[in-house]
Amino acid sequence: MSGDRLAALLDELVAELAVRVADKLKPNATVYFDQSNSPLGPRHHIAAVSSGKLPGLKLGRRYVATAADVEAYVRHSASASRGADEAHELDQLADELGLRKPNGDKT
């Protein structure tokens, strides 16, 4: 494993630990986001809640979701994107090495 990859994994671990420690230290009040204060931005927030990808509900004109659900959605989106990037890198490496999948397609 390369040093850069290890550093990235450690950074991810430290960030996750920080979130968990912060969760333990803050009061038990649930924080909510609507489209006006969501870190996703208004359009993305509304689309995610409307599609069911982000658990939430519509209250009048507001699309409301818990901060924890928004954070989980962001983490999941980031890891899915990172997984696609890693798969693309593996495909490029396989092409460079001339490797093929068992069915004959290039990896």
Protein backbone atom coordinates (compact mmCIF):
# COMPACT_ATOMS: atom_id res chain seq x y z
CA MET A 1 0.00 0.00 0.00
CA SER A 2 1.42 3.36 -0.97
CA GLY A 3 2.15 6.04 1.61
CA ASP A 4 -0.37 8.39 0.02
CA ARG A 5 -3.12 5.77 0.20
CA LEU A 6 -2.26 4.96 3.82
CA ALA A 7 -2.29 8.68 4.69
CA ALA A 8 -5.69 9.06 3.04
CA LEU A 9 -7.08 6.11 5.00
CA LEU A 10 -5.70 7.50 8.26
CA ASP A 11 -7.21 10.92 7.49
CA GLU A 12 -10.56 9.23 6.86
CA LEU A 13 -10.27 7.32 10.15
CA VAL A 14 -9.38 10.46 12.10
CA ALA A 15 -12.32 12.33 10.55
CA GLU A 16 -14.72 9.52 11.46
CA LEU A 17 -13.38 9.39 15.03
CA ALA A 18 -13.78 13.17 15.34
CA VAL A 19 -17.41 12.92 14.23
CA ARG A 20 -18.09 10.15 16.75
CA VAL A 21 -16.41 12.02 19.60
CA ALA A 22 -18.33 15.19 18.71
CA ASP A 23 -21.58 13.19 18.66
CA LYS A 24 -20.88 11.88 22.16
CA LEU A 25 -20.09 15.35 23.51
CA LYS A 26 -22.99 17.32 22.05
CA PRO A 27 -26.44 17.49 23.62
CA ASN A 28 -29.11 14.97 22.67
CA ALA A 29 -31.10 17.51 20.63
CA THR A 30 -31.69 16.41 17.05
CA VAL A 31 -30.55 18.89 14.41
CA TYR A 32 -32.52 19.20 11.18
CA PHE A 33 -31.63 20.58 7.77
CA ASP A 34 -34.01 21.87 5.17
CA GLN A 35 -33.08 22.96 1.66
CA SER A 36 -32.15 26.47 2.83
CA ASN A 37 -29.40 25.37 5.24
CA SER A 38 -28.38 21.98 3.87
CA PRO A 39 -24.73 21.47 2.95
CA LEU A 40 -26.01 19.75 -0.20
CA GLY A 41 -27.49 22.95 -1.59
CA PRO A 42 -31.20 23.54 -2.18
CA ARG A 43 -31.72 21.64 -5.43
CA HIS A 44 -29.66 18.61 -4.47
CA HIS A 45 -31.30 18.45 -1.03
CA ILE A 46 -34.83 18.58 -2.48
CA ALA A 47 -34.00 15.99 -5.15
CA ALA A 48 -32.43 13.61 -2.63
CA VAL A 49 -35.39 13.82 -0.22
CA SER A 50 -37.97 13.63 -3.05
CA SER A 51 -36.33 10.54 -4.54
CA GLY A 52 -36.02 8.80 -1.16
CA LYS A 53 -32.22 8.61 -1.38
CA LEU A 54 -32.08 10.89 1.66
CA PRO A 55 -34.57 10.00 4.41
CA GLY A 56 -36.72 13.01 5.11
CA LEU A 57 -40.13 14.52 4.63
CA LYS A 58 -41.85 17.49 3.10
CA LEU A 59 -43.38 19.96 5.57
CA GLY A 60 -45.18 22.62 3.57
CA ARG A 61 -42.49 24.00 1.25
CA ARG A 62 -39.63 22.65 3.36
CA TYR A 63 -37.87 19.35 2.72
CA VAL A 64 -36.57 18.32 6.13
CA ALA A 65 -33.94 15.71 7.03
CA THR A 66 -31.92 15.07 10.16
CA ALA A 67 -28.32 16.26 10.17
CA ALA A 68 -27.22 12.68 10.85
CA ASP A 69 -29.05 11.45 7.72
CA VAL A 70 -27.55 14.25 5.61
CA GLU A 71 -24.06 13.41 6.90
CA ALA A 72 -24.59 9.70 6.17
CA TYR A 73 -25.84 10.57 2.67
CA VAL A 74 -22.76 12.71 2.03
CA ARG A 75 -20.42 9.99 3.33
CA HIS A 76 -22.16 7.35 1.20
CA SER A 77 -22.03 9.56 -1.90
CA ALA A 78 -18.34 10.27 -1.33
CA SER A 79 -17.48 6.60 -0.82
CA ALA A 80 -19.48 5.58 -3.90
CA SER A 81 -17.63 8.19 -5.94
CA ARG A 82 -14.30 7.10 -4.48
CA GLY A 83 -15.15 3.46 -5.30
CA ALA A 84 -15.90 4.39 -8.91
CA ASP A 85 -12.60 6.29 -9.14
CA GLU A 86 -10.70 3.30 -7.74
CA ALA A 87 -12.45 0.94 -10.18
CA HIS A 88 -11.53 3.27 -13.04
CA GLU A 89 -7.89 3.31 -11.89
CA LEU A 90 -7.89 -0.51 -11.79
CA ASP A 91 -9.36 -0.64 -15.30
CA GLN A 92 -6.63 1.69 -16.56
CA LEU A 93 -3.91 -0.40 -14.90
CA ALA A 94 -5.37 -3.60 -16.34
CA ASP A 95 -5.40 -2.00 -19.81
CA GLU A 96 -1.76 -0.96 -19.42
CA LEU A 97 -0.80 -4.49 -18.37
CA GLY A 98 -2.93 -6.11 -21.09
CA LEU A 99 -5.04 -8.04 -18.61
CA ARG A 100 -8.47 -9.31 -19.61
CA LYS A 101 -11.58 -10.48 -17.78
CA PRO A 102 -12.38 -14.21 -18.04
CA ASN A 103 -15.11 -13.53 -20.64
CA GLY A 104 -12.52 -11.93 -22.95
CA ASP A 105 -13.42 -8.29 -22.29
CA LYS A 106 -10.68 -5.98 -21.13
CA THR A 107 -10.85 -5.15 -17.42
